[in-house]
Amino acid sequence: AAWKKVTDEVHARGGRIFVQLWHTGRMSHTAFQPGE
């Protein structure tokens, strides 16, 4: 829902927008992982 506000505003100004999808893999820490 929050990203929809971004894309709506970009489109309202005539822009085009993709989003980059990632999985950081080993570039992470237990502090960010579910259940640590």
PDB file of all heavy atoms in Angstrom:
ATOM      1  N   ALA A   1       0.828  -1.211   0.000  1.00  0.00           N
ATOM      2  CA  ALA A   1       0.000   0.000   0.000  1.00  0.00           C
ATOM      3  C   ALA A   1       0.863   1.262   0.000  1.00  0.00           C
ATOM      4  O   ALA A   1       0.532   2.249  -0.669  1.00  0.00           O
ATOM      5  CB  ALA A   1      -0.929  -0.005   1.207  1.00  0.00           C
ATOM      6  N   ALA A   2       1.968   1.227   0.744  1.00  0.00           N
ATOM      7  CA  ALA A   2       2.844   2.396   0.795  1.00  0.00           C
ATOM      8  C   ALA A   2       3.543   2.631  -0.539  1.00  0.00           C
ATOM      9  O   ALA A   2       3.681   3.777  -0.995  1.00  0.00           O
ATOM     10  CB  ALA A   2       3.875   2.229   1.904  1.00  0.00           C
ATOM     11  N   TRP A   3       3.983   1.548  -1.181  1.00  0.00           N
ATOM     12  CA  TRP A   3       4.615   1.704  -2.493  1.00  0.00           C
ATOM     13  C   TRP A   3       3.619   2.231  -3.530  1.00  0.00           C
ATOM     14  O   TRP A   3       4.000   2.947  -4.464  1.00  0.00           O
ATOM     15  CB  TRP A   3       5.205   0.372  -2.960  1.00  0.00           C
ATOM     16  CG  TRP A   3       6.564   0.045  -2.442  1.00  0.00           C
ATOM     17  CD1 TRP A   3       6.925  -1.046  -1.703  1.00  0.00           C
ATOM     18  CD2 TRP A   3       7.769   0.800  -2.636  1.00  0.00           C
ATOM     19  NE1 TRP A   3       8.270  -1.021  -1.427  1.00  0.00           N
ATOM     20  CE2 TRP A   3       8.813   0.107  -1.988  1.00  0.00           C
ATOM     21  CE3 TRP A   3       8.063   1.995  -3.297  1.00  0.00           C
ATOM     22  CZ2 TRP A   3      10.144   0.563  -1.979  1.00  0.00           C
ATOM     23  CZ3 TRP A   3       9.373   2.458  -3.286  1.00  0.00           C
ATOM     24  CH2 TRP A   3      10.393   1.754  -2.638  1.00  0.00           C
ATOM     25  N   LYS A   4       2.335   1.896  -3.364  1.00  0.00           N
ATOM     26  CA  LYS A   4       1.322   2.383  -4.311  1.00  0.00           C
ATOM     27  C   LYS A   4       1.257   3.914  -4.290  1.00  0.00           C
ATOM     28  O   LYS A   4       1.037   4.549  -5.339  1.00  0.00           O
ATOM     29  CB  LYS A   4      -0.044   1.785  -3.953  1.00  0.00           C
ATOM     30  CG  LYS A   4      -1.162   2.107  -4.954  1.00  0.00           C
ATOM     31  CD  LYS A   4      -0.909   1.409  -6.292  1.00  0.00           C
ATOM     32  CE  LYS A   4      -2.125   1.392  -7.192  1.00  0.00           C
ATOM     33  NZ  LYS A   4      -2.576   2.720  -7.616  1.00  0.00           N
ATOM     34  N   LYS A   5       1.493   4.510  -3.146  1.00  0.00           N
ATOM     35  CA  LYS A   5       1.527   5.975  -3.070  1.00  0.00           C
ATOM     36  C   LYS A   5       2.714   6.531  -3.853  1.00  0.00           C
ATOM     37  O   LYS A   5       2.614   7.585  -4.490  1.00  0.00           O
ATOM     38  CB  LYS A   5       1.603   6.421  -1.606  1.00  0.00           C
ATOM     39  CG  LYS A   5       0.372   6.059  -0.794  1.00  0.00           C
ATOM     40  CD  LYS A   5       0.537   6.455   0.667  1.00  0.00           C
ATOM     41  CE  LYS A   5      -0.676   6.036   1.501  1.00  0.00           C
ATOM     42  NZ  LYS A   5      -0.494   6.351   2.941  1.00  0.00           N
ATOM     43  N   VAL A   6       3.826   5.822  -3.809  1.00  0.00           N
ATOM     44  CA  VAL A   6       5.008   6.238  -4.572  1.00  0.00           C
ATOM     45  C   VAL A   6       4.732   6.158  -6.073  1.00  0.00           C
ATOM     46  O   VAL A   6       4.945   7.126  -6.820  1.00  0.00           O
ATOM     47  CB  VAL A   6       6.227   5.360  -4.217  1.00  0.00           C
ATOM     48  CG1 VAL A   6       7.414   5.685  -5.131  1.00  0.00           C
ATOM     49  CG2 VAL A   6       6.627   5.542  -2.758  1.00  0.00           C
ATOM     50  N   THR A   7       4.260   5.007  -6.525  1.00  0.00           N
ATOM     51  CA  THR A   7       4.064   4.826  -7.969  1.00  0.00           C
ATOM     52  C   THR A   7       2.980   5.750  -8.504  1.00  0.00           C
ATOM     53  O   THR A   7       3.093   6.275  -9.618  1.00  0.00           O
ATOM     54  CB  THR A   7       3.740   3.361  -8.298  1.00  0.00           C
ATOM     55  OG1 THR A   7       2.534   2.958  -7.627  1.00  0.00           O
ATOM     56  CG2 THR A   7       4.878   2.445  -7.869  1.00  0.00           C
ATOM     57  N   ASP A   8       1.930   5.965  -7.725  1.00  0.00           N
ATOM     58  CA  ASP A   8       0.869   6.883  -8.167  1.00  0.00           C
ATOM     59  C   ASP A   8       1.424   8.281  -8.394  1.00  0.00           C
ATOM     60  O   ASP A   8       1.085   8.943  -9.400  1.00  0.00           O
ATOM     61  CB  ASP A   8      -0.252   6.946  -7.124  1.00  0.00           C
ATOM     62  CG  ASP A   8      -1.174   5.745  -7.169  1.00  0.00           C
ATOM     63  OD1 ASP A   8      -1.070   4.935  -8.115  1.00  0.00           O
ATOM     64  OD2 ASP A   8      -2.004   5.609  -6.242  1.00  0.00           O
ATOM     65  N   GLU A   9       2.272   8.750  -7.496  1.00  0.00           N
ATOM     66  CA  GLU A   9       2.804  10.105  -7.619  1.00  0.00           C
ATOM     67  C   GLU A   9       3.802  10.209  -8.766  1.00  0.00           C
ATOM     68  O   GLU A   9       3.813  11.207  -9.503  1.00  0.00           O
ATOM     69  CB  GLU A   9       3.453  10.544  -6.301  1.00  0.00           C
ATOM     70  CG  GLU A   9       3.823  12.020  -6.240  1.00  0.00           C
ATOM     71  CD  GLU A   9       2.635  12.952  -6.403  1.00  0.00           C
ATOM     72  OE1 GLU A   9       1.514  12.599  -5.993  1.00  0.00           O
ATOM     73  OE2 GLU A   9       2.827  14.066  -6.972  1.00  0.00           O
ATOM     74  N   VAL A  10       4.640   9.194  -8.946  1.00  0.00           N
ATOM     75  CA  VAL A  10       5.573   9.194 -10.079  1.00  0.00           C
ATOM     76  C   VAL A  10       4.798   9.208 -11.392  1.00  0.00           C
ATOM     77  O   VAL A  10       5.104   9.985 -12.317  1.00  0.00           O
ATOM     78  CB  VAL A  10       6.525   7.988 -10.005  1.00  0.00           C
ATOM     79  CG1 VAL A  10       7.306   7.825 -11.317  1.00  0.00           C
ATOM     80  CG2 VAL A  10       7.500   8.140  -8.837  1.00  0.00           C
ATOM     81  N   HIS A  11       3.769   8.386 -11.492  1.00  0.00           N
ATOM     82  CA  HIS A  11       2.968   8.337 -12.717  1.00  0.00           C
ATOM     83  C   HIS A  11       2.220   9.652 -12.936  1.00  0.00           C
ATOM     84  O   HIS A  11       2.080  10.113 -14.083  1.00  0.00           O
ATOM     85  CB  HIS A  11       1.987   7.163 -12.668  1.00  0.00           C
ATOM     86  CG  HIS A  11       2.652   5.830 -12.781  1.00  0.00           C
ATOM     87  ND1 HIS A  11       2.178   4.699 -12.154  1.00  0.00           N
ATOM     88  CD2 HIS A  11       3.769   5.452 -13.439  1.00  0.00           C
ATOM     89  CE1 HIS A  11       2.962   3.679 -12.437  1.00  0.00           C
ATOM     90  NE2 HIS A  11       3.931   4.112 -13.221  1.00  0.00           N
ATOM     91  N   ALA A  12       1.748  10.269 -11.863  1.00  0.00           N
ATOM     92  CA  ALA A  12       1.047  11.550 -11.992  1.00  0.00           C
ATOM     93  C   ALA A  12       1.950  12.626 -12.580  1.00  0.00           C
ATOM     94  O   ALA A  12       1.468  13.572 -13.218  1.00  0.00           O
ATOM     95  CB  ALA A  12       0.520  11.994 -10.631  1.00  0.00           C
ATOM     96  N   ARG A  13       3.251  12.473 -12.371  1.00  0.00           N
ATOM     97  CA  ARG A  13       4.215  13.438 -12.916  1.00  0.00           C
ATOM     98  C   ARG A  13       4.803  12.978 -14.245  1.00  0.00           C
ATOM     99  O   ARG A  13       5.792  13.546 -14.731  1.00  0.00           O
ATOM    100  CB  ARG A  13       5.318  13.688 -11.902  1.00  0.00           C
ATOM    101  CG  ARG A  13       4.790  14.268 -10.588  1.00  0.00           C
ATOM    102  CD  ARG A  13       5.885  14.850  -9.749  1.00  0.00           C
ATOM    103  NE  ARG A  13       5.402  15.185  -8.409  1.00  0.00           N
ATOM    104  CZ  ARG A  13       6.090  15.910  -7.536  1.00  0.00           C
ATOM    105  NH1 ARG A  13       7.274  16.405  -7.867  1.00  0.00           N
ATOM    106  NH2 ARG A  13       5.602  16.160  -6.328  1.00  0.00           N
ATOM    107  N   GLY A  14       4.225  11.943 -14.823  1.00  0.00           N
ATOM    108  CA  GLY A  14       4.643  11.501 -16.153  1.00  0.00           C
ATOM    109  C   GLY A  14       5.813  10.547 -16.155  1.00  0.00           C
ATOM    110  O   GLY A  14       6.380  10.267 -17.225  1.00  0.00           O
ATOM    111  N   GLY A  15       6.194  10.031 -14.994  1.00  0.00           N
ATOM    112  CA  GLY A  15       7.352   9.166 -14.909  1.00  0.00           C
ATOM    113  C   GLY A  15       7.022   7.691 -15.037  1.00  0.00           C
ATOM    114  O   GLY A  15       5.859   7.284 -15.055  1.00  0.00           O
ATOM    115  N   ARG A  16       8.078   6.891 -15.143  1.00  0.00           N
ATOM    116  CA  ARG A  16       7.982   5.437 -15.172  1.00  0.00           C
ATOM    117  C   ARG A  16       8.879   4.872 -14.083  1.00  0.00           C
ATOM    118  O   ARG A  16       9.976   5.386 -13.852  1.00  0.00           O
ATOM    119  CB  ARG A  16       8.412   4.888 -16.533  1.00  0.00           C
ATOM    120  CG  ARG A  16       7.506   5.344 -17.685  1.00  0.00           C
ATOM    121  CD  ARG A  16       6.121   4.737 -17.555  1.00  0.00           C
ATOM    122  NE  ARG A  16       5.295   4.941 -18.736  1.00  0.00           N
ATOM    123  CZ  ARG A  16       4.089   4.440 -18.880  1.00  0.00           C
ATOM    124  NH1 ARG A  16       3.546   3.716 -17.905  1.00  0.00           N
ATOM    125  NH2 ARG A  16       3.408   4.654 -19.977  1.00  0.00           N
ATOM    126  N   ILE A  17       8.445   3.778 -13.431  1.00  0.00           N
ATOM    127  CA  ILE A  17       9.184   3.284 -12.288  1.00  0.00           C
ATOM    128  C   ILE A  17       9.124   1.766 -12.181  1.00  0.00           C
ATOM    129  O   ILE A  17       8.055   1.172 -12.211  1.00  0.00           O
ATOM    130  CB  ILE A  17       8.708   3.969 -10.983  1.00  0.00           C
ATOM    131  CG1 ILE A  17       9.538   3.529  -9.773  1.00  0.00           C
ATOM    132  CG2 ILE A  17       7.212   3.768 -10.756  1.00  0.00           C
ATOM    133  CD1 ILE A  17       9.306   4.383  -8.521  1.00  0.00           C
ATOM    134  N   PHE A  18      10.300   1.144 -12.095  1.00  0.00           N
ATOM    135  CA  PHE A  18      10.467  -0.262 -11.740  1.00  0.00           C
ATOM    136  C   PHE A  18      10.919  -0.298 -10.276  1.00  0.00           C
ATOM    137  O   PHE A  18      11.283   0.720  -9.705  1.00  0.00           O
ATOM    138  CB  PHE A  18      11.550  -0.924 -12.601  1.00  0.00           C
ATOM    139  CG  PHE A  18      11.108  -1.416 -13.953  1.00  0.00           C
ATOM    140  CD1 PHE A  18      10.187  -0.723 -14.713  1.00  0.00           C
ATOM    141  CD2 PHE A  18      11.661  -2.570 -14.493  1.00  0.00           C
ATOM    142  CE1 PHE A  18       9.797  -1.165 -15.973  1.00  0.00           C
ATOM    143  CE2 PHE A  18      11.290  -3.039 -15.741  1.00  0.00           C
ATOM    144  CZ  PHE A  18      10.353  -2.341 -16.485  1.00  0.00           C
ATOM    145  N   VAL A  19      10.917  -1.491  -9.680  1.00  0.00           N
ATOM    146  CA  VAL A  19      11.509  -1.671  -8.354  1.00  0.00           C
ATOM    147  C   VAL A  19      12.509  -2.819  -8.435  1.00  0.00           C
ATOM    148  O   VAL A  19      12.275  -3.819  -9.117  1.00  0.00           O
ATOM    149  CB  VAL A  19      10.443  -1.940  -7.264  1.00  0.00           C
ATOM    150  CG1 VAL A  19       9.695  -3.248  -7.513  1.00  0.00           C
ATOM    151  CG2 VAL A  19      11.068  -1.933  -5.876  1.00  0.00           C
ATOM    152  N   GLN A  20      13.629  -2.656  -7.746  1.00  0.00           N
ATOM    153  CA  GLN A  20      14.629  -3.721  -7.688  1.00  0.00           C
ATOM    154  C   GLN A  20      14.302  -4.670  -6.543  1.00  0.00           C
ATOM    155  O   GLN A  20      14.104  -4.240  -5.404  1.00  0.00           O
ATOM    156  CB  GLN A  20      16.029  -3.138  -7.502  1.00  0.00           C
ATOM    157  CG  GLN A  20      17.128  -4.186  -7.628  1.00  0.00           C
ATOM    158  CD  GLN A  20      18.496  -3.632  -7.329  1.00  0.00           C
ATOM    159  OE1 GLN A  20      18.754  -3.204  -6.210  1.00  0.00           O
ATOM    160  NE2 GLN A  20      19.381  -3.645  -8.316  1.00  0.00           N
ATOM    161  N   LEU A  21      14.238  -5.948  -6.840  1.00  0.00           N
ATOM    162  CA  LEU A  21      13.931  -6.976  -5.838  1.00  0.00           C
ATOM    163  C   LEU A  21      15.211  -7.692  -5.432  1.00  0.00           C
ATOM    164  O   LEU A  21      15.981  -8.126  -6.287  1.00  0.00           O
ATOM    165  CB  LEU A  21      12.929  -7.983  -6.399  1.00  0.00           C
ATOM    166  CG  LEU A  21      11.574  -7.429  -6.838  1.00  0.00           C
ATOM    167  CD1 LEU A  21      10.683  -8.557  -7.347  1.00  0.00           C
ATOM    168  CD2 LEU A  21      10.878  -6.667  -5.709  1.00  0.00           C
ATOM    169  N   TRP A  22      15.431  -7.820  -4.123  1.00  0.00           N
ATOM    170  CA  TRP A  22      16.655  -8.475  -3.661  1.00  0.00           C
ATOM    171  C   TRP A  22      16.416  -9.415  -2.498  1.00  0.00           C
ATOM    172  O   TRP A  22      15.410  -9.347  -1.794  1.00  0.00           O
ATOM    173  CB  TRP A  22      17.742  -7.460  -3.288  1.00  0.00           C
ATOM    174  CG  TRP A  22      17.563  -6.641  -2.023  1.00  0.00           C
ATOM    175  CD1 TRP A  22      16.453  -6.488  -1.254  1.00  0.00           C
ATOM    176  CD2 TRP A  22      18.574  -5.826  -1.413  1.00  0.00           C
ATOM    177  NE1 TRP A  22      16.709  -5.633  -0.211  1.00  0.00           N
ATOM    178  CE2 TRP A  22      18.013  -5.214  -0.281  1.00  0.00           C
ATOM    179  CE3 TRP A  22      19.920  -5.552  -1.692  1.00  0.00           C
ATOM    180  CZ2 TRP A  22      18.723  -4.342   0.556  1.00  0.00           C
ATOM    181  CZ3 TRP A  22      20.616  -4.689  -0.869  1.00  0.00           C
ATOM    182  CH2 TRP A  22      20.028  -4.098   0.240  1.00  0.00           C
ATOM    183  N   HIS A  23      17.384 -10.287  -2.349  1.00  0.00           N
ATOM    184  CA  HIS A  23      17.585 -11.077  -1.143  1.00  0.00           C
ATOM    185  C   HIS A  23      19.055 -10.893  -0.810  1.00  0.00           C
ATOM    186  O   HIS A  23      19.926 -11.224  -1.612  1.00  0.00           O
ATOM    187  CB  HIS A  23      17.255 -12.544  -1.397  1.00  0.00           C
ATOM    188  CG  HIS A  23      17.209 -13.385  -0.152  1.00  0.00           C
ATOM    189  ND1 HIS A  23      18.258 -13.452   0.750  1.00  0.00           N
ATOM    190  CD2 HIS A  23      16.221 -14.204   0.350  1.00  0.00           C
ATOM    191  CE1 HIS A  23      17.931 -14.261   1.730  1.00  0.00           C
ATOM    192  NE2 HIS A  23      16.713 -14.728   1.530  1.00  0.00           N
ATOM    193  N   THR A  24      19.346 -10.347   0.378  1.00  0.00           N
ATOM    194  CA  THR A  24      20.732  -9.988   0.680  1.00  0.00           C
ATOM    195  C   THR A  24      21.609 -11.194   0.985  1.00  0.00           C
ATOM    196  O   THR A  24      22.838 -11.087   0.958  1.00  0.00           O
ATOM    197  CB  THR A  24      20.807  -9.009   1.870  1.00  0.00           C
ATOM    198  OG1 THR A  24      20.243  -9.620   3.029  1.00  0.00           O
ATOM    199  CG2 THR A  24      20.078  -7.717   1.554  1.00  0.00           C
ATOM    200  N   GLY A  25      21.005 -12.354   1.304  1.00  0.00           N
ATOM    201  CA  GLY A  25      21.809 -13.540   1.544  1.00  0.00           C
ATOM    202  C   GLY A  25      22.742 -13.380   2.728  1.00  0.00           C
ATOM    203  O   GLY A  25      22.330 -12.986   3.823  1.00  0.00           O
ATOM    204  N   ARG A  26      24.021 -13.640   2.512  1.00  0.00           N
ATOM    205  CA  ARG A  26      24.987 -13.593   3.615  1.00  0.00           C
ATOM    206  C   ARG A  26      25.364 -12.173   4.016  1.00  0.00           C
ATOM    207  O   ARG A  26      26.027 -11.980   5.040  1.00  0.00           O
ATOM    208  CB  ARG A  26      26.240 -14.399   3.268  1.00  0.00           C
ATOM    209  CG  ARG A  26      27.100 -13.814   2.145  1.00  0.00           C
ATOM    210  CD  ARG A  26      28.271 -14.723   1.842  1.00  0.00           C
ATOM    211  NE  ARG A  26      29.198 -14.087   0.892  1.00  0.00           N
ATOM    212  CZ  ARG A  26      30.506 -14.296   0.895  1.00  0.00           C
ATOM    213  NH1 ARG A  26      31.056 -15.098   1.789  1.00  0.00           N
ATOM    214  NH2 ARG A  26      31.270 -13.706  -0.004  1.00  0.00           N
ATOM    215  N   MET A  27      24.943 -11.183   3.242  1.00  0.00           N
ATOM    216  CA  MET A  27      25.157  -9.786   3.606  1.00  0.00           C
ATOM    217  C   MET A  27      24.081  -9.358   4.601  1.00  0.00           C
ATOM    218  O   MET A  27      23.274  -8.474   4.343  1.00  0.00           O
ATOM    219  CB  MET A  27      25.137  -8.904   2.356  1.00  0.00           C
ATOM    220  CG  MET A  27      26.410  -8.983   1.547  1.00  0.00           C
ATOM    221  SD  MET A  27      27.882  -8.544   2.503  1.00  0.00           S
ATOM    222  CE  MET A  27      27.416  -6.923   3.090  1.00  0.00           C
ATOM    223  N   SER A  28      24.075 -10.029   5.741  1.00  0.00           N
ATOM    224  CA  SER A  28      23.040  -9.782   6.738  1.00  0.00           C
ATOM    225  C   SER A  28      23.596 -10.105   8.112  1.00  0.00           C
ATOM    226  O   SER A  28      24.772 -10.455   8.286  1.00  0.00           O
ATOM    227  CB  SER A  28      21.794 -10.634   6.432  1.00  0.00           C
ATOM    228  OG  SER A  28      20.729 -10.310   7.302  1.00  0.00           O
ATOM    229  N   HIS A  29      22.736  -9.976   9.100  1.00  0.00           N
ATOM    230  CA  HIS A  29      23.102 -10.212  10.496  1.00  0.00           C
ATOM    231  C   HIS A  29      21.905 -10.856  11.175  1.00  0.00           C
ATOM    232  O   HIS A  29      20.751 -10.616  10.796  1.00  0.00           O
ATOM    233  CB  HIS A  29      23.465  -8.885  11.173  1.00  0.00           C
ATOM    234  CG  HIS A  29      24.085  -9.025  12.519  1.00  0.00           C
ATOM    235  ND1 HIS A  29      23.331  -9.212  13.663  1.00  0.00           N
ATOM    236  CD2 HIS A  29      25.387  -9.020  12.908  1.00  0.00           C
ATOM    237  CE1 HIS A  29      24.148  -9.302  14.707  1.00  0.00           C
ATOM    238  NE2 HIS A  29      25.401  -9.202  14.281  1.00  0.00           N
ATOM    239  N   THR A  30      22.179 -11.644  12.207  1.00  0.00           N
ATOM    240  CA  THR A  30      21.087 -12.289  12.930  1.00  0.00           C
ATOM    241  C   THR A  30      20.067 -11.274  13.448  1.00  0.00           C
ATOM    242  O   THR A  30      18.881 -11.583  13.563  1.00  0.00           O
ATOM    243  CB  THR A  30      21.633 -13.111  14.112  1.00  0.00           C
ATOM    244  OG1 THR A  30      22.420 -12.261  14.960  1.00  0.00           O
ATOM    245  CG2 THR A  30      22.493 -14.269  13.619  1.00  0.00           C
ATOM    246  N   ALA A  31      20.522 -10.035  13.711  1.00  0.00           N
ATOM    247  CA  ALA A  31      19.612  -9.006  14.232  1.00  0.00           C
ATOM    248  C   ALA A  31      18.485  -8.686  13.260  1.00  0.00           C
ATOM    249  O   ALA A  31      17.421  -8.208  13.676  1.00  0.00           O
ATOM    250  CB  ALA A  31      20.399  -7.732  14.552  1.00  0.00           C
ATOM    251  N   PHE A  32      18.692  -8.938  11.977  1.00  0.00           N
ATOM    252  CA  PHE A  32      17.669  -8.631  10.977  1.00  0.00           C
ATOM    253  C   PHE A  32      16.847  -9.859  10.591  1.00  0.00           C
ATOM    254  O   PHE A  32      15.887  -9.738   9.825  1.00  0.00           O
ATOM    255  CB  PHE A  32      18.313  -8.052   9.716  1.00  0.00           C
ATOM    256  CG  PHE A  32      19.004  -6.738   9.934  1.00  0.00           C
ATOM    257  CD1 PHE A  32      20.367  -6.610   9.713  1.00  0.00           C
ATOM    258  CD2 PHE A  32      18.296  -5.625  10.368  1.00  0.00           C
ATOM    259  CE1 PHE A  32      21.007  -5.402   9.924  1.00  0.00           C
ATOM    260  CE2 PHE A  32      18.926  -4.413  10.571  1.00  0.00           C
ATOM    261  CZ  PHE A  32      20.287  -4.296  10.360  1.00  0.00           C
ATOM    262  N   GLN A  33      17.210 -11.011  11.081  1.00  0.00           N
ATOM    263  CA  GLN A  33      16.569 -12.244  10.646  1.00  0.00           C
ATOM    264  C   GLN A  33      15.413 -12.633  11.572  1.00  0.00           C
ATOM    265  O   GLN A  33      15.498 -12.465  12.792  1.00  0.00           O
ATOM    266  CB  GLN A  33      17.589 -13.377  10.601  1.00  0.00           C
ATOM    267  CG  GLN A  33      18.655 -13.198   9.539  1.00  0.00           C
ATOM    268  CD  GLN A  33      18.090 -13.258   8.143  1.00  0.00           C
ATOM    269  OE1 GLN A  33      17.409 -14.206   7.769  1.00  0.00           O
ATOM    270  NE2 GLN A  33      18.355 -12.219   7.359  1.00  0.00           N
ATOM    271  N   PRO A  34      14.326 -13.152  11.013  1.00  0.00           N
ATOM    272  CA  PRO A  34      13.231 -13.646  11.855  1.00  0.00           C
ATOM    273  C   PRO A  34      13.752 -14.656  12.872  1.00  0.00           C
ATOM    274  O   PRO A  34      14.494 -15.582  12.526  1.00  0.00           O
ATOM    275  CB  PRO A  34      12.295 -14.312  10.839  1.00  0.00           C
ATOM    276  CG  PRO A  34      12.574 -13.614   9.544  1.00  0.00           C
ATOM    277  CD  PRO A  34      14.041 -13.310   9.572  1.00  0.00           C
ATOM    278  N   GLY A  35      13.403 -14.430  14.128  1.00  0.00           N
ATOM    279  CA  GLY A  35      13.867 -15.318  15.180  1.00  0.00           C
ATOM    280  C   GLY A  35      15.353 -15.230  15.453  1.00  0.00           C
ATOM    281  O   GLY A  35      15.910 -16.100  16.138  1.00  0.00           O
ATOM    282  N   GLU A  36      16.009 -14.198  14.913  1.00  0.00           N
ATOM    283  CA  GLU A  36      17.457 -14.002  15.052  1.00  0.00           C
ATOM    284  C   GLU A  36      18.245 -15.241  14.617  1.00  0.00           C
ATOM    285  O   GLU A  36      19.293 -15.585  15.172  1.00  0.00           O
ATOM    286  CB  GLU A  36      17.826 -13.587  16.477  1.00  0.00           C
ATOM    287  CG  GLU A  36      17.217 -12.252  16.871  1.00  0.00           C
ATOM    288  CD  GLU A  36      17.833 -11.663  18.133  1.00  0.00           C
ATOM    289  OE1 GLU A  36      18.575 -12.376  18.835  1.00  0.00           O
ATOM    290  OE2 GLU A  36      17.557 -10.481  18.407  1.00  0.00           O
TER     291      GLU A  36
END
